[in-house]
């Protein structure tokens, strides 16, 4: 809770520096989406002029553009984390820096998302297998409620163990596999430091589905709680090896500022 109060204090001292990355993430996500749609219609029109009939080629193009967009979205989320780190250090990330970082690191951040998705798929595979082979098991409402509760808990903890991967990549320039390993180790070793902010983040996430409140969540609550993770991470940065901490100097400055 102490890290959240520190994060809130820093946020309200320099709110513009924290809100700016969130606005960049939103508008750049929209811009890249419109760009992807524009490219699709351009290629579709070009194929029409060339006399190529709609078919599998259109689906392939749509799949490729969708994949690229998802990768870029992961990069934009990573750049947002980078922007929050800048704000905590008393700086504001610049537009060109945000875009350059998002595009250059998009595959690293997407790697984290992909591994997390694979883990979730593996954990869900037994229940899917059971449903396909014996659907009668799910005929009871009690079974449905119990299984839903169990798998919500599973998803919650999968998210928790992966949650530090993004700030580790953004703050220490670590590869995505190493960041996942460190995220798991640190989230277990320092459970009391990271679980409470993550639990609060769960409630913050729920407010995303409340009209108008979701704007406050996106621009204020989410950056504050996420900053608490970064502050706690900076307090144990010595546990990240020197070969990993490529951008260690900035964090030393930031760590000393927010103790």
Protein backbone atom coordinates (compact mmCIF):
# COMPACT_ATOMS: atom_id res chain seq x y z
CA UNK A 1 0.00 0.00 0.00
CA UNK A 2 2.97 2.29 0.68
CA UNK A 3 4.06 2.01 -2.95
CA UNK A 4 0.55 2.96 -4.13
CA UNK A 5 0.53 6.08 -1.95
CA UNK A 6 3.96 7.01 -3.33
CA UNK A 7 2.77 6.41 -6.88
CA UNK A 8 -0.36 8.52 -6.29
CA UNK A 9 1.73 11.38 -4.89
CA UNK A 10 4.09 11.33 -7.87
CA UNK A 11 1.15 11.07 -10.29
CA UNK A 12 -0.68 14.11 -8.92
CA UNK A 13 2.57 16.08 -8.82
CA UNK A 14 3.13 15.47 -12.54
CA UNK A 15 -0.19 14.18 -13.89
CA UNK A 16 0.47 15.41 -17.43
CA UNK A 17 3.59 13.23 -17.74
CA UNK A 18 1.53 10.14 -16.82
CA UNK A 19 -1.56 10.93 -18.87
CA UNK A 20 0.45 11.67 -22.01
CA UNK A 21 1.62 8.04 -22.60
CA UNK A 22 -1.96 6.81 -22.10
CA UNK A 23 -3.24 9.24 -24.72
CA UNK A 24 -0.46 8.22 -27.09
CA UNK A 25 -1.33 4.56 -26.64
CA UNK A 26 -5.00 5.18 -27.38
CA UNK A 27 -4.57 7.40 -30.44
CA UNK A 28 -1.69 5.40 -31.93
CA UNK A 29 -3.65 2.16 -31.49
CA UNK A 30 -6.51 3.79 -33.36
CA UNK A 31 -4.19 5.18 -36.03
CA UNK A 32 -2.55 1.80 -36.68
CA UNK A 33 -5.98 0.14 -36.80
CA UNK A 34 -7.21 2.63 -39.41
CA UNK A 35 -3.95 2.15 -41.29
CA UNK A 36 -4.40 -1.65 -41.32
CA UNK A 37 -8.00 -1.27 -42.55
CA UNK A 38 -6.83 1.16 -45.23
CA UNK A 39 -4.11 -1.23 -46.42
CA UNK A 40 -6.62 -4.09 -46.58
CA UNK A 41 -9.06 -2.12 -48.73
CA UNK A 42 -6.21 -0.85 -50.93
CA UNK A 43 -4.96 -4.40 -51.57
CA UNK A 44 -8.53 -5.63 -52.08
CA UNK A 45 -9.14 -2.85 -54.61
CA UNK A 46 -5.86 -3.63 -56.35
CA UNK A 47 -6.82 -7.30 -56.61
CA UNK A 48 -10.19 -6.24 -58.04
CA UNK A 49 -8.50 -4.16 -60.74
CA UNK A 50 -6.25 -7.13 -61.55
CA UNK A 51 -9.30 -9.38 -61.85
CA UNK A 52 -8.46 -11.57 -58.85
CA UNK A 53 -11.64 -12.97 -57.32
CA UNK A 54 -12.28 -12.90 -53.56
CA UNK A 55 -11.19 -16.08 -51.89
CA UNK A 56 -8.50 -17.49 -49.63
CA UNK A 57 -6.07 -14.73 -50.64
CA UNK A 58 -8.30 -12.12 -48.94
CA UNK A 59 -8.47 -14.19 -45.77
CA UNK A 60 -4.68 -14.59 -45.77
CA UNK A 61 -4.19 -10.84 -46.18
CA UNK A 62 -6.65 -10.14 -43.36
CA UNK A 63 -4.89 -12.69 -41.13
CA UNK A 64 -1.45 -11.18 -41.83
CA UNK A 65 -2.63 -7.62 -41.19
CA UNK A 66 -4.42 -8.72 -38.00
CA UNK A 67 -1.28 -10.46 -36.74
CA UNK A 68 0.89 -7.42 -37.46
CA UNK A 69 -1.62 -5.18 -35.69
CA UNK A 70 -1.68 -7.43 -32.60
CA UNK A 71 2.13 -7.38 -32.49
CA UNK A 72 2.13 -3.57 -32.77
CA UNK A 73 -0.49 -3.34 -29.99
CA UNK A 74 1.87 -5.28 -27.70
CA UNK A 75 4.64 -2.84 -28.62
CA UNK A 76 2.39 0.15 -27.88
CA UNK A 77 1.56 -1.32 -24.46
CA UNK A 78 5.29 -1.78 -23.82
CA UNK A 79 5.96 1.82 -24.90
CA UNK A 80 3.22 2.92 -22.48
CA UNK A 81 5.11 1.16 -19.68
CA UNK A 82 8.27 2.91 -20.85
CA UNK A 83 6.39 6.22 -20.73
CA UNK A 84 5.27 5.54 -17.14
CA UNK A 85 8.89 4.86 -16.17
CA UNK A 86 9.88 8.17 -17.77
CA UNK A 87 7.14 9.94 -15.80
CA UNK A 88 8.33 8.40 -12.53
CA UNK A 89 11.81 9.69 -13.33
CA UNK A 90 10.47 13.23 -13.81
CA UNK A 91 10.59 13.11 -17.59
CA UNK A 92 8.02 12.90 -20.39
CA UNK A 93 8.43 10.40 -23.19
CA UNK A 94 8.49 12.03 -26.61
CA UNK A 95 6.20 11.02 -29.47
CA UNK A 96 8.98 9.85 -31.80
CA UNK A 97 10.63 7.95 -28.93
CA UNK A 98 7.32 6.29 -28.07
CA UNK A 99 6.72 5.15 -31.66
CA UNK A 100 10.32 4.05 -32.21
CA UNK A 101 10.38 2.06 -28.98
CA UNK A 102 6.98 0.46 -29.68
CA UNK A 103 8.02 -0.72 -33.13
CA UNK A 104 11.54 -1.86 -32.17
CA UNK A 105 10.41 -3.81 -29.09
CA UNK A 106 7.02 -5.03 -30.32
CA UNK A 107 8.22 -8.61 -30.90
CA UNK A 108 9.67 -8.82 -27.38
CA UNK A 109 6.44 -7.69 -25.77
CA UNK A 110 4.40 -9.86 -28.09
CA UNK A 111 6.59 -12.82 -27.06
CA UNK A 112 5.39 -12.37 -23.48
CA UNK A 113 1.76 -12.23 -24.61
CA UNK A 114 2.23 -15.32 -26.79
CA UNK A 115 3.86 -17.42 -24.04
CA UNK A 116 1.12 -16.38 -21.62
CA UNK A 117 -1.51 -17.40 -24.17
CA UNK A 118 0.18 -20.78 -24.63
CA UNK A 119 0.23 -21.34 -20.87
CA UNK A 120 -3.47 -20.46 -20.58
CA UNK A 121 -4.29 -22.75 -23.53
CA UNK A 122 -2.44 -25.65 -21.91
CA UNK A 123 -4.22 -25.08 -18.59
CA UNK A 124 -7.60 -24.93 -20.31
CA UNK A 125 -7.00 -27.96 -22.56
CA UNK A 126 -8.19 -30.57 -19.98
CA UNK A 127 -11.56 -28.85 -19.57
CA UNK A 128 -11.94 -28.46 -23.35
CA UNK A 129 -11.05 -32.12 -23.85
CA UNK A 130 -13.58 -33.15 -21.22
CA UNK A 131 -16.28 -30.98 -22.79
CA UNK A 132 -15.69 -32.48 -26.24
CA UNK A 133 -15.67 -36.08 -25.04
CA UNK A 134 -18.26 -35.96 -22.25
CA UNK A 135 -20.47 -32.83 -22.37
CA UNK A 136 -22.86 -34.35 -19.81
CA UNK A 137 -20.36 -33.49 -17.08
CA UNK A 138 -21.30 -29.83 -17.54
CA UNK A 139 -25.05 -30.36 -17.32
CA UNK A 140 -25.06 -29.38 -13.63
CA UNK A 141 -25.12 -25.65 -12.84
CA UNK A 142 -23.07 -26.33 -9.72
CA UNK A 143 -20.28 -27.87 -11.82
CA UNK A 144 -20.35 -24.89 -14.16
CA UNK A 145 -20.08 -22.40 -11.28
CA UNK A 146 -17.28 -24.34 -9.56
CA UNK A 147 -15.26 -24.74 -12.77
CA UNK A 148 -15.76 -21.08 -13.69
CA UNK A 149 -14.54 -20.03 -10.25
CA UNK A 150 -11.51 -22.34 -10.44
CA UNK A 151 -10.48 -21.13 -13.88
CA UNK A 152 -10.96 -17.48 -12.97
CA UNK A 153 -8.48 -18.05 -10.13
CA UNK A 154 -6.12 -19.81 -12.55
CA UNK A 155 -6.28 -16.90 -15.02
CA UNK A 156 -5.78 -14.43 -12.16
CA UNK A 157 -2.56 -16.10 -11.04
CA UNK A 158 -1.26 -16.62 -14.58
CA UNK A 159 -1.67 -12.88 -15.11
CA UNK A 160 0.03 -12.22 -11.78
CA UNK A 161 3.10 -14.33 -12.55
CA UNK A 162 3.51 -12.69 -15.97
CA UNK A 163 2.71 -9.13 -14.88
CA UNK A 164 6.26 -7.97 -14.13
CA UNK A 165 7.56 -9.07 -17.54
CA UNK A 166 6.59 -5.83 -19.31
CA UNK A 167 8.19 -3.42 -16.78
CA UNK A 168 11.29 -5.66 -16.65
CA UNK A 169 11.68 -5.43 -20.43
CA UNK A 170 10.94 -1.70 -20.49
CA UNK A 171 13.15 -0.85 -17.53
CA UNK A 172 16.06 -3.24 -17.99
CA UNK A 173 16.03 -4.10 -21.72
CA UNK A 174 15.75 -7.83 -20.96
CA UNK A 175 14.78 -10.44 -23.55
CA UNK A 176 11.20 -11.68 -23.34
CA UNK A 177 12.02 -15.21 -22.11
CA UNK A 178 14.35 -13.88 -19.41
CA UNK A 179 11.73 -11.30 -18.41
CA UNK A 180 9.13 -14.06 -17.94
CA UNK A 181 11.49 -16.09 -15.76
CA UNK A 182 12.36 -13.03 -13.68
CA UNK A 183 8.70 -12.05 -13.43
CA UNK A 184 7.81 -15.46 -12.03
CA UNK A 185 10.75 -15.56 -9.60
CA UNK A 186 10.26 -12.04 -8.27
CA UNK A 187 6.47 -12.28 -8.02
CA UNK A 188 6.87 -15.44 -5.92
CA UNK A 189 9.83 -14.25 -3.84
CA UNK A 190 8.24 -10.87 -3.12
CA UNK A 191 4.64 -11.99 -3.03
CA UNK A 192 3.62 -9.51 -0.30
CA UNK A 193 5.05 -6.57 -2.29
CA UNK A 194 3.41 -7.34 -5.63
CA UNK A 195 0.23 -9.24 -4.83
CA UNK A 196 -1.63 -6.38 -3.10
CA UNK A 197 -1.12 -3.91 -6.00
CA UNK A 198 -2.11 -6.67 -8.43
CA UNK A 199 -5.22 -7.48 -6.42
CA UNK A 200 -6.15 -3.79 -6.49
CA UNK A 201 -5.43 -3.79 -10.23
CA UNK A 202 -8.12 -6.46 -10.56
CA UNK A 203 -10.72 -4.05 -9.19
CA UNK A 204 -9.34 -1.29 -11.39
CA UNK A 205 -9.74 -3.58 -14.41
CA UNK A 206 -13.41 -4.21 -13.55
CA UNK A 207 -14.10 -0.45 -13.63
CA UNK A 208 -13.14 -0.50 -17.33
CA UNK A 209 -16.63 -1.81 -18.00
CA UNK A 210 -18.38 1.12 -16.29
CA UNK A 211 -19.16 3.99 -18.72
CA UNK A 212 -17.39 7.29 -17.92
CA UNK A 213 -15.58 5.66 -14.98
CA UNK A 214 -13.53 3.76 -17.56
CA UNK A 215 -11.99 7.06 -18.73
CA UNK A 216 -10.88 7.85 -15.17
CA UNK A 217 -9.54 4.31 -14.87
CA UNK A 218 -7.52 4.51 -18.08
CA UNK A 219 -6.03 7.94 -17.45
CA UNK A 220 -5.63 7.95 -13.65
CA UNK A 221 -6.17 4.72 -11.72
CA UNK A 222 -4.35 2.38 -14.07
CA UNK A 223 -1.15 4.51 -14.26
CA UNK A 224 -1.09 4.93 -10.46
CA UNK A 225 -1.42 1.23 -9.63
CA UNK A 226 1.00 0.24 -12.41
CA UNK A 227 3.50 2.78 -11.09
CA UNK A 228 3.32 0.99 -7.73
CA UNK A 229 4.61 -2.16 -9.45
CA UNK A 230 7.50 -0.23 -10.97
CA UNK A 231 8.38 1.39 -7.62
CA UNK A 232 8.42 -2.01 -5.90
CA UNK A 233 10.44 -3.47 -8.75
CA UNK A 234 13.01 -0.66 -8.47
CA UNK A 235 13.40 -1.39 -4.75
CA UNK A 236 14.64 -4.93 -5.54
CA UNK A 237 16.48 -4.19 -8.77
CA UNK A 238 19.65 -5.67 -7.26
CA UNK A 239 18.09 -9.08 -7.81
CA UNK A 240 18.20 -8.49 -11.56
CA UNK A 241 21.71 -9.38 -12.69
CA UNK A 242 24.00 -6.72 -14.12
CA UNK A 243 24.08 -8.43 -17.52
CA UNK A 244 20.30 -8.01 -17.65
CA UNK A 245 20.14 -4.46 -16.36
CA UNK A 246 21.30 -2.72 -19.53
CA UNK A 247 19.47 0.48 -18.59
CA UNK A 248 20.47 0.34 -14.92
CA UNK A 249 21.66 3.93 -14.57
CA UNK A 250 18.27 5.54 -15.00
CA UNK A 251 16.71 3.18 -12.52
CA UNK A 252 19.31 4.00 -9.89
CA UNK A 253 18.38 7.65 -10.27
CA UNK A 254 14.67 6.82 -10.14
CA UNK A 255 15.03 4.42 -7.23
CA UNK A 256 16.76 6.98 -5.09
CA UNK A 257 14.12 9.58 -5.90
CA UNK A 258 11.16 7.50 -4.72
CA UNK A 259 12.37 5.58 -1.69
